[in-house]
PDB file of N, CA and C in Angstrom:
ATOM      1  N   UNK A   1     -10.163  44.014 -20.314  1.00  0.00           N
ATOM      2  CA  UNK A   1      -9.335  43.342 -19.330  1.00  0.00           C
ATOM      3  C   UNK A   1      -8.250  44.288 -18.880  1.00  0.00           C
ATOM      4  N   UNK A   2      -7.866  44.149 -17.608  1.00  0.00           N
ATOM      5  CA  UNK A   2      -6.851  45.028 -17.032  1.00  0.00           C
ATOM      6  C   UNK A   2      -5.463  44.538 -17.345  1.00  0.00           C
ATOM      7  N   UNK A   3      -4.488  45.365 -17.003  1.00  0.00           N
ATOM      8  CA  UNK A   3      -3.099  44.995 -17.217  1.00  0.00           C
ATOM      9  C   UNK A   3      -2.671  43.949 -16.208  1.00  0.00           C
ATOM     10  N   UNK A   4      -1.732  43.107 -16.590  1.00  0.00           N
ATOM     11  CA  UNK A   4      -1.176  42.124 -15.667  1.00  0.00           C
ATOM     12  C   UNK A   4      -0.338  42.860 -14.635  1.00  0.00           C
ATOM     13  N   UNK A   5      -0.431  42.463 -13.391  1.00  0.00           N
ATOM     14  CA  UNK A   5       0.337  43.130 -12.344  1.00  0.00           C
ATOM     15  C   UNK A   5       1.785  42.694 -12.420  1.00  0.00           C
ATOM     16  N   UNK A   6       2.652  43.530 -11.886  1.00  0.00           N
ATOM     17  CA  UNK A   6       4.088  43.259 -11.910  1.00  0.00           C
ATOM     18  C   UNK A   6       4.541  42.906 -10.507  1.00  0.00           C
ATOM     19  N   UNK A   7       5.513  41.992 -10.437  1.00  0.00           N
ATOM     20  CA  UNK A   7       6.071  41.566  -9.166  1.00  0.00           C
ATOM     21  C   UNK A   7       7.567  41.832  -9.219  1.00  0.00           C
ATOM     22  N   UNK A   8       8.088  42.462  -8.162  1.00  0.00           N
ATOM     23  CA  UNK A   8       9.512  42.736  -8.087  1.00  0.00           C
ATOM     24  C   UNK A   8      10.108  41.838  -7.009  1.00  0.00           C
ATOM     25  N   UNK A   9      11.109  41.043  -7.384  1.00  0.00           N
ATOM     26  CA  UNK A   9      11.807  40.168  -6.451  1.00  0.00           C
ATOM     27  C   UNK A   9      13.278  40.556  -6.506  1.00  0.00           C
ATOM     28  N   UNK A  10      13.762  41.152  -5.424  1.00  0.00           N
ATOM     29  CA  UNK A  10      15.156  41.622  -5.426  1.00  0.00           C
ATOM     30  C   UNK A  10      15.329  42.662  -6.498  1.00  0.00           C
ATOM     31  N   UNK A  11      16.230  42.426  -7.421  1.00  0.00           N
ATOM     32  CA  UNK A  11      16.464  43.373  -8.510  1.00  0.00           C
ATOM     33  C   UNK A  11      15.791  42.927  -9.806  1.00  0.00           C
ATOM     34  N   UNK A  12      14.992  41.854  -9.746  1.00  0.00           N
ATOM     35  CA  UNK A  12      14.353  41.333 -10.954  1.00  0.00           C
ATOM     36  C   UNK A  12      12.881  41.707 -10.980  1.00  0.00           C
ATOM     37  N   UNK A  13      12.363  41.920 -12.163  1.00  0.00           N
ATOM     38  CA  UNK A  13      10.988  42.354 -12.359  1.00  0.00           C
ATOM     39  C   UNK A  13      10.254  41.286 -13.179  1.00  0.00           C
ATOM     40  N   UNK A  14       9.090  40.826 -12.690  1.00  0.00           N
ATOM     41  CA  UNK A  14       8.339  39.767 -13.353  1.00  0.00           C
ATOM     42  C   UNK A  14       6.914  40.207 -13.616  1.00  0.00           C
ATOM     43  N   UNK A  15       6.320  39.692 -14.677  1.00  0.00           N
ATOM     44  CA  UNK A  15       4.897  39.893 -14.938  1.00  0.00           C
ATOM     45  C   UNK A  15       4.142  38.736 -14.301  1.00  0.00           C
ATOM     46  N   UNK A  16       3.107  39.029 -13.522  1.00  0.00           N
ATOM     47  CA  UNK A  16       2.291  37.983 -12.916  1.00  0.00           C
ATOM     48  C   UNK A  16       1.386  37.389 -13.996  1.00  0.00           C
ATOM     49  N   UNK A  17       1.368  36.072 -14.083  1.00  0.00           N
ATOM     50  CA  UNK A  17       0.539  35.389 -15.064  1.00  0.00           C
ATOM     51  C   UNK A  17      -0.862  35.180 -14.500  1.00  0.00           C
ATOM     52  N   UNK A  18      -1.819  35.271 -15.360  1.00  0.00           N
ATOM     53  CA  UNK A  18      -3.195  35.002 -14.945  1.00  0.00           C
ATOM     54  C   UNK A  18      -3.444  33.500 -15.077  1.00  0.00           C
ATOM     55  N   UNK A  19      -4.013  32.909 -14.049  1.00  0.00           N
ATOM     56  CA  UNK A  19      -4.308  31.476 -14.128  1.00  0.00           C
ATOM     57  C   UNK A  19      -5.731  31.289 -14.627  1.00  0.00           C
ATOM     58  N   UNK A  20      -5.910  30.266 -15.400  1.00  0.00           N
ATOM     59  CA  UNK A  20      -7.217  29.958 -15.952  1.00  0.00           C
ATOM     60  C   UNK A  20      -7.703  28.656 -15.333  1.00  0.00           C
ATOM     61  N   UNK A  21      -8.884  28.686 -14.777  1.00  0.00           N
ATOM     62  CA  UNK A  21      -9.464  27.467 -14.204  1.00  0.00           C
ATOM     63  C   UNK A  21     -10.244  26.749 -15.296  1.00  0.00           C
ATOM     64  N   UNK A  22      -9.860  25.516 -15.532  1.00  0.00           N
ATOM     65  CA  UNK A  22     -10.542  24.719 -16.545  1.00  0.00           C
ATOM     66  C   UNK A  22     -11.561  23.827 -15.864  1.00  0.00           C
ATOM     67  N   UNK A  23     -12.692  23.655 -16.496  1.00  0.00           N
ATOM     68  CA  UNK A  23     -13.707  22.777 -15.923  1.00  0.00           C
ATOM     69  C   UNK A  23     -13.272  21.333 -16.135  1.00  0.00           C
ATOM     70  N   UNK A  24     -13.642  20.497 -15.184  1.00  0.00           N
ATOM     71  CA  UNK A  24     -13.291  19.081 -15.282  1.00  0.00           C
ATOM     72  C   UNK A  24     -14.228  18.427 -16.299  1.00  0.00           C
ATOM     73  N   UNK A  25     -13.630  17.818 -17.291  1.00  0.00           N
ATOM     74  CA  UNK A  25     -14.457  17.212 -18.325  1.00  0.00           C
ATOM     75  C   UNK A  25     -15.067  15.909 -17.809  1.00  0.00           C
ATOM     76  N   UNK A  26     -16.207  15.600 -18.303  1.00  0.00           N
ATOM     77  CA  UNK A  26     -16.884  14.372 -17.926  1.00  0.00           C
ATOM     78  C   UNK A  26     -16.348  13.247 -18.786  1.00  0.00           C
ATOM     79  N   UNK A  27     -15.872  12.197 -18.108  1.00  0.00           N
ATOM     80  CA  UNK A  27     -15.316  11.061 -18.821  1.00  0.00           C
ATOM     81  C   UNK A  27     -16.255   9.882 -18.613  1.00  0.00           C
ATOM     82  N   UNK A  28     -16.628   9.246 -19.698  1.00  0.00           N
ATOM     83  CA  UNK A  28     -17.479   8.068 -19.596  1.00  0.00           C
ATOM     84  C   UNK A  28     -16.625   6.884 -19.175  1.00  0.00           C
ATOM     85  N   UNK A  29     -17.057   6.190 -18.137  1.00  0.00           N
ATOM     86  CA  UNK A  29     -16.329   5.028 -17.651  1.00  0.00           C
ATOM     87  C   UNK A  29     -16.732   3.794 -18.439  1.00  0.00           C
ATOM     88  N   UNK A  30     -15.761   2.968 -18.702  1.00  0.00           N
ATOM     89  CA  UNK A  30     -16.065   1.720 -19.378  1.00  0.00           C
ATOM     90  C   UNK A  30     -16.684   0.748 -18.370  1.00  0.00           C
ATOM     91  N   UNK A  31     -17.263  -0.315 -18.849  1.00  0.00           N
ATOM     92  CA  UNK A  31     -17.866  -1.324 -17.971  1.00  0.00           C
ATOM     93  C   UNK A  31     -16.807  -1.942 -17.061  1.00  0.00           C
ATOM     94  N   UNK A  32     -15.597  -2.112 -17.597  1.00  0.00           N
ATOM     95  CA  UNK A  32     -14.527  -2.698 -16.788  1.00  0.00           C
ATOM     96  C   UNK A  32     -14.116  -1.766 -15.652  1.00  0.00           C
ATOM     97  N   UNK A  33     -14.025  -0.464 -15.923  1.00  0.00           N
ATOM     98  CA  UNK A  33     -13.683   0.500 -14.873  1.00  0.00           C
ATOM     99  C   UNK A  33     -14.739   0.502 -13.769  1.00  0.00           C
ATOM    100  N   UNK A  34     -15.997   0.458 -14.163  1.00  0.00           N
ATOM    101  CA  UNK A  34     -17.076   0.411 -13.175  1.00  0.00           C
ATOM    102  C   UNK A  34     -16.983  -0.848 -12.326  1.00  0.00           C
ATOM    103  N   UNK A  35     -16.651  -1.972 -12.956  1.00  0.00           N
ATOM    104  CA  UNK A  35     -16.521  -3.239 -12.231  1.00  0.00           C
ATOM    105  C   UNK A  35     -15.436  -3.145 -11.173  1.00  0.00           C
ATOM    106  N   UNK A  36     -14.247  -2.655 -11.529  1.00  0.00           N
ATOM    107  CA  UNK A  36     -13.128  -2.631 -10.595  1.00  0.00           C
ATOM    108  C   UNK A  36     -13.305  -1.589  -9.505  1.00  0.00           C
ATOM    109  N   UNK A  37     -14.047  -0.526  -9.757  1.00  0.00           N
ATOM    110  CA  UNK A  37     -14.287   0.485  -8.729  1.00  0.00           C
ATOM    111  C   UNK A  37     -15.188  -0.026  -7.609  1.00  0.00           C
ATOM    112  N   UNK A  38     -15.889  -1.135  -7.847  1.00  0.00           N
ATOM    113  CA  UNK A  38     -16.744  -1.706  -6.798  1.00  0.00           C
ATOM    114  C   UNK A  38     -15.927  -2.266  -5.645  1.00  0.00           C
ATOM    115  N   UNK A  39     -14.690  -2.640  -5.901  1.00  0.00           N
ATOM    116  CA  UNK A  39     -13.858  -3.257  -4.874  1.00  0.00           C
ATOM    117  C   UNK A  39     -13.197  -2.190  -4.023  1.00  0.00           C
ATOM    118  N   UNK A  40     -13.457  -2.229  -2.773  1.00  0.00           N
ATOM    119  CA  UNK A  40     -12.888  -1.291  -1.812  1.00  0.00           C
ATOM    120  C   UNK A  40     -12.264  -2.093  -0.686  1.00  0.00           C
ATOM    121  N   UNK A  41     -11.327  -1.481   0.077  1.00  0.00           N
ATOM    122  CA  UNK A  41     -10.801  -2.197   1.237  1.00  0.00           C
ATOM    123  C   UNK A  41     -11.942  -2.591   2.175  1.00  0.00           C
ATOM    124  N   UNK A  42     -11.869  -3.797   2.684  1.00  0.00           N
ATOM    125  CA  UNK A  42     -12.912  -4.290   3.584  1.00  0.00           C
ATOM    126  C   UNK A  42     -12.939  -3.468   4.861  1.00  0.00           C
ATOM    127  N   UNK A  43     -14.119  -3.310   5.432  1.00  0.00           N
ATOM    128  CA  UNK A  43     -14.253  -2.588   6.701  1.00  0.00           C
ATOM    129  C   UNK A  43     -14.845  -3.526   7.731  1.00  0.00           C
ATOM    130  N   UNK A  44     -14.831  -3.112   8.956  1.00  0.00           N
ATOM    131  CA  UNK A  44     -15.375  -3.948  10.029  1.00  0.00           C
ATOM    132  C   UNK A  44     -14.435  -5.076  10.356  1.00  0.00           C
ATOM    133  N   UNK A  45     -14.876  -6.325  10.199  1.00  0.00           N
ATOM    134  CA  UNK A  45     -14.067  -7.479  10.559  1.00  0.00           C
ATOM    135  C   UNK A  45     -13.002  -7.828   9.551  1.00  0.00           C
ATOM    136  N   UNK A  46     -13.031  -7.218   8.376  1.00  0.00           N
ATOM    137  CA  UNK A  46     -12.064  -7.573   7.348  1.00  0.00           C
ATOM    138  C   UNK A  46     -10.763  -6.816   7.488  1.00  0.00           C
ATOM    139  N   UNK A  47      -9.819  -7.139   6.628  1.00  0.00           N
ATOM    140  CA  UNK A  47      -8.513  -6.488   6.644  1.00  0.00           C
ATOM    141  C   UNK A  47      -8.632  -5.068   6.115  1.00  0.00           C
ATOM    142  N   UNK A  48      -7.925  -4.168   6.724  1.00  0.00           N
ATOM    143  CA  UNK A  48      -7.872  -2.791   6.263  1.00  0.00           C
ATOM    144  C   UNK A  48      -6.491  -2.549   5.698  1.00  0.00           C
ATOM    145  N   UNK A  49      -6.439  -1.960   4.518  1.00  0.00           N
ATOM    146  CA  UNK A  49      -5.149  -1.739   3.875  1.00  0.00           C
ATOM    147  C   UNK A  49      -4.248  -0.866   4.733  1.00  0.00           C
ATOM    148  N   UNK A  50      -4.805   0.072   5.479  1.00  0.00           N
ATOM    149  CA  UNK A  50      -3.988   0.986   6.263  1.00  0.00           C
ATOM    150  C   UNK A  50      -3.617   0.435   7.634  1.00  0.00           C
ATOM    151  N   UNK A  51      -4.123  -0.747   8.019  1.00  0.00           N
ATOM    152  CA  UNK A  51      -3.874  -1.249   9.361  1.00  0.00           C
ATOM    153  C   UNK A  51      -2.537  -1.960   9.494  1.00  0.00           C
ATOM    154  N   UNK A  52      -1.892  -2.297   8.400  1.00  0.00           N
ATOM    155  CA  UNK A  52      -0.606  -2.966   8.454  1.00  0.00           C
ATOM    156  C   UNK A  52       0.486  -1.963   8.121  1.00  0.00           C
ATOM    157  N   UNK A  53       1.413  -1.757   9.050  1.00  0.00           N
ATOM    158  CA  UNK A  53       2.519  -0.850   8.777  1.00  0.00           C
ATOM    159  C   UNK A  53       3.814  -1.515   9.214  1.00  0.00           C
ATOM    160  N   UNK A  54       4.869  -1.208   8.492  1.00  0.00           N
ATOM    161  CA  UNK A  54       6.156  -1.841   8.733  1.00  0.00           C
ATOM    162  C   UNK A  54       7.238  -0.774   8.771  1.00  0.00           C
ATOM    163  N   UNK A  55       8.255  -0.996   9.602  1.00  0.00           N
ATOM    164  CA  UNK A  55       9.333  -0.028   9.712  1.00  0.00           C
ATOM    165  C   UNK A  55      10.385  -0.224   8.618  1.00  0.00           C
ATOM    166  N   UNK A  56      10.369  -1.361   7.956  1.00  0.00           N
ATOM    167  CA  UNK A  56      11.301  -1.658   6.865  1.00  0.00           C
ATOM    168  C   UNK A  56      10.497  -2.039   5.629  1.00  0.00           C
ATOM    169  N   UNK A  57      11.112  -1.976   4.455  1.00  0.00           N
ATOM    170  CA  UNK A  57      10.395  -2.367   3.243  1.00  0.00           C
ATOM    171  C   UNK A  57       9.975  -3.843   3.283  1.00  0.00           C
ATOM    172  N   UNK A  58       8.829  -4.121   2.735  1.00  0.00           N
ATOM    173  CA  UNK A  58       8.333  -5.494   2.650  1.00  0.00           C
ATOM    174  C   UNK A  58       9.062  -6.173   1.493  1.00  0.00           C
ATOM    175  N   UNK A  59       9.679  -7.329   1.773  1.00  0.00           N
ATOM    176  CA  UNK A  59      10.425  -8.038   0.730  1.00  0.00           C
ATOM    177  C   UNK A  59       9.665  -9.229   0.179  1.00  0.00           C
ATOM    178  N   UNK A  60       8.646  -9.710   0.910  1.00  0.00           N
ATOM    179  CA  UNK A  60       7.862 -10.845   0.413  1.00  0.00           C
ATOM    180  C   UNK A  60       6.539 -10.944   1.157  1.00  0.00           C
ATOM    181  N   UNK A  61       5.538 -11.445   0.470  1.00  0.00           N
ATOM    182  CA  UNK A  61       4.241 -11.767   1.066  1.00  0.00           C
ATOM    183  C   UNK A  61       3.871 -13.149   0.559  1.00  0.00           C
ATOM    184  N   UNK A  62       3.466 -14.028   1.487  1.00  0.00           N
ATOM    185  CA  UNK A  62       3.108 -15.396   1.115  1.00  0.00           C
ATOM    186  C   UNK A  62       1.782 -15.757   1.773  1.00  0.00           C
ATOM    187  N   UNK A  63       0.915 -16.415   1.026  1.00  0.00           N
ATOM    188  CA  UNK A  63      -0.385 -16.806   1.547  1.00  0.00           C
ATOM    189  C   UNK A  63      -0.431 -18.308   1.766  1.00  0.00           C
ATOM    190  N   UNK A  64      -1.047 -18.697   2.871  1.00  0.00           N
ATOM    191  CA  UNK A  64      -1.210 -20.114   3.181  1.00  0.00           C
ATOM    192  C   UNK A  64      -2.332 -20.677   2.326  1.00  0.00           C
ATOM    193  N   UNK A  65      -2.152 -21.913   1.863  1.00  0.00           N
ATOM    194  CA  UNK A  65      -3.193 -22.566   1.081  1.00  0.00           C
ATOM    195  C   UNK A  65      -4.206 -23.281   1.954  1.00  0.00           C
ATOM    196  N   UNK A  66      -3.928 -23.343   3.255  1.00  0.00           N
ATOM    197  CA  UNK A  66      -4.836 -24.013   4.182  1.00  0.00           C
ATOM    198  C   UNK A  66      -6.015 -23.103   4.513  1.00  0.00           C
ATOM    199  N   UNK A  67      -7.187 -23.673   4.839  1.00  0.00           N
ATOM    200  CA  UNK A  67      -8.343 -22.852   5.218  1.00  0.00           C
ATOM    201  C   UNK A  67      -7.957 -21.879   6.335  1.00  0.00           C
ATOM    202  N   UNK A  68      -8.460 -20.662   6.216  1.00  0.00           N
ATOM    203  CA  UNK A  68      -8.067 -19.578   7.102  1.00  0.00           C
ATOM    204  C   UNK A  68      -7.201 -18.596   6.340  1.00  0.00           C
ATOM    205  N   UNK A  69      -6.436 -19.136   5.384  1.00  0.00           N
ATOM    206  CA  UNK A  69      -5.632 -18.350   4.467  1.00  0.00           C
ATOM    207  C   UNK A  69      -4.823 -17.258   5.154  1.00  0.00           C
ATOM    208  N   UNK A  70      -4.065 -17.659   6.192  1.00  0.00           N
ATOM    209  CA  UNK A  70      -3.165 -16.731   6.848  1.00  0.00           C
ATOM    210  C   UNK A  70      -2.129 -16.257   5.842  1.00  0.00           C
ATOM    211  N   UNK A  71      -1.462 -15.151   6.159  1.00  0.00           N
ATOM    212  CA  UNK A  71      -0.408 -14.683   5.265  1.00  0.00           C
ATOM    213  C   UNK A  71       0.793 -14.239   6.074  1.00  0.00           C
ATOM    214  N   UNK A  72       1.964 -14.434   5.489  1.00  0.00           N
ATOM    215  CA  UNK A  72       3.227 -14.067   6.118  1.00  0.00           C
ATOM    216  C   UNK A  72       3.822 -12.893   5.351  1.00  0.00           C
ATOM    217  N   UNK A  73       4.295 -11.900   6.102  1.00  0.00           N
ATOM    218  CA  UNK A  73       4.916 -10.725   5.502  1.00  0.00           C
ATOM    219  C   UNK A  73       6.351 -10.650   5.996  1.00  0.00           C
ATOM    220  N   UNK A  74       7.297 -10.606   5.066  1.00  0.00           N
ATOM    221  CA  UNK A  74       8.706 -10.509   5.402  1.00  0.00           C
ATOM    222  C   UNK A  74       9.122  -9.049   5.283  1.00  0.00           C
ATOM    223  N   UNK A  75       9.610  -8.489   6.395  1.00  0.00           N
ATOM    224  CA  UNK A  75       9.997  -7.085   6.423  1.00  0.00           C
ATOM    225  C   UNK A  75      11.150  -6.907   7.397  1.00  0.00           C
ATOM    226  N   UNK A  76      12.243  -6.373   6.913  1.00  0.00           N
ATOM    227  CA  UNK A  76      13.405  -6.161   7.782  1.00  0.00           C
ATOM    228  C   UNK A  76      13.941  -7.484   8.294  1.00  0.00           C
ATOM    229  N   UNK A  77      14.137  -7.574   9.600  1.00  0.00           N
ATOM    230  CA  UNK A  77      14.688  -8.788  10.211  1.00  0.00           C
ATOM    231  C   UNK A  77      13.606  -9.649  10.832  1.00  0.00           C
ATOM    232  N   UNK A  78      12.380  -9.518  10.358  1.00  0.00           N
ATOM    233  CA  UNK A  78      11.307 -10.323  10.936  1.00  0.00           C
ATOM    234  C   UNK A  78      10.318 -10.818   9.889  1.00  0.00           C
ATOM    235  N   UNK A  79       9.643 -11.883  10.260  1.00  0.00           N
ATOM    236  CA  UNK A  79       8.546 -12.439   9.466  1.00  0.00           C
ATOM    237  C   UNK A  79       7.316 -12.372  10.366  1.00  0.00           C
ATOM    238  N   UNK A  80       6.291 -11.688   9.916  1.00  0.00           N
ATOM    239  CA  UNK A  80       5.052 -11.546  10.689  1.00  0.00           C
ATOM    240  C   UNK A  80       3.973 -12.396  10.039  1.00  0.00           C
ATOM    241  N   UNK A  81       3.277 -13.180  10.852  1.00  0.00           N
ATOM    242  CA  UNK A  81       2.194 -14.023  10.353  1.00  0.00           C
ATOM    243  C   UNK A  81       0.876 -13.406  10.815  1.00  0.00           C
ATOM    244  N   UNK A  82      -0.004 -13.149   9.861  1.00  0.00           N
ATOM    245  CA  UNK A  82      -1.278 -12.492  10.125  1.00  0.00           C
ATOM    246  C   UNK A  82      -2.434 -13.435   9.862  1.00  0.00           C
ATOM    247  N   UNK A  83      -3.515 -13.233  10.598  1.00  0.00           N
ATOM    248  CA  UNK A  83      -4.745 -13.974  10.388  1.00  0.00           C
ATOM    249  C   UNK A  83      -5.348 -13.536   9.060  1.00  0.00           C
ATOM    250  N   UNK A  84      -5.717 -14.476   8.228  1.00  0.00           N
ATOM    251  CA  UNK A  84      -6.245 -14.162   6.909  1.00  0.00           C
ATOM    252  C   UNK A  84      -7.620 -13.533   6.923  1.00  0.00           C
ATOM    253  N   UNK A  85      -8.379 -13.714   7.980  1.00  0.00           N
ATOM    254  CA  UNK A  85      -9.735 -13.152   8.045  1.00  0.00           C
ATOM    255  C   UNK A  85      -9.765 -11.768   8.673  1.00  0.00           C
ATOM    256  N   UNK A  86      -8.954 -11.534   9.688  1.00  0.00           N
ATOM    257  CA  UNK A  86      -9.017 -10.270  10.427  1.00  0.00           C
ATOM    258  C   UNK A  86      -7.790  -9.390  10.238  1.00  0.00           C
ATOM    259  N   UNK A  87      -6.740  -9.901   9.625  1.00  0.00           N
ATOM    260  CA  UNK A  87      -5.472  -9.194   9.427  1.00  0.00           C
ATOM    261  C   UNK A  87      -4.804  -8.833  10.750  1.00  0.00           C
ATOM    262  N   UNK A  88      -5.130  -9.557  11.812  1.00  0.00           N
ATOM    263  CA  UNK A  88      -4.479  -9.329  13.103  1.00  0.00           C
ATOM    264  C   UNK A  88      -3.203 -10.152  13.174  1.00  0.00           C
ATOM    265  N   UNK A  89      -2.195  -9.592  13.823  1.00  0.00           N
ATOM    266  CA  UNK A  89      -0.914 -10.265  13.969  1.00  0.00           C
ATOM    267  C   UNK A  89      -1.089 -11.495  14.851  1.00  0.00           C
ATOM    268  N   UNK A  90      -0.683 -12.657  14.332  1.00  0.00           N
ATOM    269  CA  UNK A  90      -0.756 -13.898  15.103  1.00  0.00           C
ATOM    270  C   UNK A  90       0.590 -14.227  15.737  1.00  0.00           C
ATOM    271  N   UNK A  91       1.663 -13.970  14.972  1.00  0.00           N
ATOM    272  CA  UNK A  91       2.990 -14.327  15.464  1.00  0.00           C
ATOM    273  C   UNK A  91       4.030 -13.505  14.717  1.00  0.00           C
ATOM    274  N   UNK A  92       5.082 -13.132  15.423  1.00  0.00           N
ATOM    275  CA  UNK A  92       6.178 -12.406  14.814  1.00  0.00           C
ATOM    276  C   UNK A  92       7.468 -13.181  15.069  1.00  0.00           C
ATOM    277  N   UNK A  93       8.166 -13.522  14.005  1.00  0.00           N
ATOM    278  CA  UNK A  93       9.419 -14.262  14.109  1.00  0.00           C
ATOM    279  C   UNK A  93      10.562 -13.292  13.842  1.00  0.00           C
ATOM    280  N   UNK A  94      11.384 -13.048  14.871  1.00  0.00           N
ATOM    281  CA  UNK A  94      12.444 -12.044  14.750  1.00  0.00           C
ATOM    282  C   UNK A  94      13.812 -12.631  15.079  1.00  0.00           C
ATOM    283  N   UNK A  95      14.082 -13.821  14.628  1.00  0.00           N
ATOM    284  CA  UNK A  95      15.361 -14.466  14.941  1.00  0.00           C
ATOM    285  C   UNK A  95      16.395 -14.315  13.834  1.00  0.00           C
ATOM    286  N   UNK A  96      16.147 -13.441  12.898  1.00  0.00           N
ATOM    287  CA  UNK A  96      17.078 -13.251  11.793  1.00  0.00           C
ATOM    288  C   UNK A  96      18.138 -12.224  12.179  1.00  0.00           C
ATOM    289  N   UNK A  97      19.381 -12.468  11.799  1.00  0.00           N
ATOM    290  CA  UNK A  97      20.469 -11.538  12.094  1.00  0.00           C
ATOM    291  C   UNK A  97      20.641 -10.508  10.983  1.00  0.00           C
ATOM    292  N   UNK A  98      20.060 -10.787   9.820  1.00  0.00           N
ATOM    293  CA  UNK A  98      20.149  -9.895   8.675  1.00  0.00           C
ATOM    294  C   UNK A  98      18.747  -9.771   8.074  1.00  0.00           C
ATOM    295  N   UNK A  99      18.610  -9.054   6.987  1.00  0.00           N
ATOM    296  CA  UNK A  99      17.298  -8.858   6.362  1.00  0.00           C
ATOM    297  C   UNK A  99      16.730 -10.199   5.923  1.00  0.00           C
ATOM    298  N   UNK A 100      15.492 -10.447   6.311  1.00  0.00           N
ATOM    299  CA  UNK A 100      14.809 -11.696   5.962  1.00  0.00           C
ATOM    300  C   UNK A 100      14.192 -11.568   4.574  1.00  0.00           C
ATOM    301  N   UNK A 101      14.254 -12.648   3.822  1.00  0.00           N
ATOM    302  CA  UNK A 101      13.694 -12.675   2.474  1.00  0.00           C
ATOM    303  C   UNK A 101      12.848 -13.923   2.279  1.00  0.00           C
ATOM    304  N   UNK A 102      11.807 -13.814   1.493  1.00  0.00           N
ATOM    305  CA  UNK A 102      11.093 -14.945   0.935  1.00  0.00           C
ATOM    306  C   UNK A 102      10.419 -15.917   1.868  1.00  0.00           C
ATOM    307  N   UNK A 103       9.715 -15.448   2.870  1.00  0.00           N
ATOM    308  CA  UNK A 103       8.960 -16.382   3.711  1.00  0.00           C
ATOM    309  C   UNK A 103       7.941 -17.115   2.849  1.00  0.00           C
ATOM    310  N   UNK A 104       7.756 -18.400   3.143  1.00  0.00           N
ATOM    311  CA  UNK A 104       6.845 -19.207   2.347  1.00  0.00           C
ATOM    312  C   UNK A 104       6.195 -20.273   3.222  1.00  0.00           C
ATOM    313  N   UNK A 105       4.905 -20.510   3.019  1.00  0.00           N
ATOM    314  CA  UNK A 105       4.170 -21.532   3.760  1.00  0.00           C
ATOM    315  C   UNK A 105       4.332 -22.889   3.091  1.00  0.00           C
ATOM    316  N   UNK A 106       4.339 -23.938   3.892  1.00  0.00           N
ATOM    317  CA  UNK A 106       4.246 -25.302   3.364  1.00  0.00           C
ATOM    318  C   UNK A 106       2.810 -25.487   2.874  1.00  0.00           C
ATOM    319  N   UNK A 107       2.569 -26.461   2.019  1.00  0.00           N
ATOM    320  CA  UNK A 107       1.247 -26.642   1.397  1.00  0.00           C
ATOM    321  C   UNK A 107       0.115 -26.791   2.413  1.00  0.00           C
ATOM    322  N   UNK A 108       0.396 -27.341   3.609  1.00  0.00           N
ATOM    323  CA  UNK A 108      -0.654 -27.514   4.602  1.00  0.00           C
ATOM    324  C   UNK A 108      -0.781 -26.312   5.539  1.00  0.00           C
ATOM    325  N   UNK A 109       0.079 -25.308   5.387  1.00  0.00           N
ATOM    326  CA  UNK A 109      -0.011 -24.089   6.177  1.00  0.00           C
ATOM    327  C   UNK A 109       0.504 -24.205   7.599  1.00  0.00           C
ATOM    328  N   UNK A 110       1.149 -25.309   7.952  1.00  0.00           N
ATOM    329  CA  UNK A 110       1.584 -25.530   9.328  1.00  0.00           C
ATOM    330  C   UNK A 110       3.061 -25.186   9.554  1.00  0.00           C
ATOM    331  N   UNK A 111       3.782 -24.817   8.502  1.00  0.00           N
ATOM    332  CA  UNK A 111       5.196 -24.502   8.612  1.00  0.00           C
ATOM    333  C   UNK A 111       5.518 -23.317   7.703  1.00  0.00           C
ATOM    334  N   UNK A 112       6.341 -22.406   8.211  1.00  0.00           N
ATOM    335  CA  UNK A 112       6.788 -21.255   7.433  1.00  0.00           C
ATOM    336  C   UNK A 112       8.298 -21.324   7.338  1.00  0.00           C
ATOM    337  N   UNK A 113       8.819 -21.124   6.151  1.00  0.00           N
ATOM    338  CA  UNK A 113      10.265 -21.088   5.942  1.00  0.00           C
ATOM    339  C   UNK A 113      10.642 -19.701   5.450  1.00  0.00           C
ATOM    340  N   UNK A 114      11.777 -19.210   5.928  1.00  0.00           N
ATOM    341  CA  UNK A 114      12.281 -17.900   5.506  1.00  0.00           C
ATOM    342  C   UNK A 114      13.795 -17.919   5.519  1.00  0.00           C
ATOM    343  N   UNK A 115      14.419 -17.076   4.776  1.00  0.00           N
ATOM    344  CA  UNK A 115      15.875 -17.044   4.726  1.00  0.00           C
ATOM    345  C   UNK A 115      16.399 -15.631   4.817  1.00  0.00           C
ATOM    346  N   UNK A 116      17.693 -15.529   5.065  1.00  0.00           N
ATOM    347  CA  UNK A 116      18.326 -14.203   5.079  1.00  0.00           C
ATOM    348  C   UNK A 116      19.659 -14.262   4.369  1.00  0.00           C
TER     349      UNK A 116
END
């Protein structure tokens, strides 16, 4: 093997280290790991994890118990209501003067309450 090369930076002298590439070891997956890896973000007509973006941190997510299972996301000064099947924005409520917290659906899914 050859000598390690030297690197000079300003007035300091350093020995260059040799990097060693390690092979990736094969890890046996448990049955549970295999089960959970089957779940991926839905494509096509379903919701995509990357399709929802917000300019402020999300402070609450609430799901409607009514068929359709819409969901409300509280972020910044607004509450956005999304279609549960397509994840498309149905309505945006932006009447809050301060940060909105804790949007929640009534049991029948016909009313949303939120506070600030």
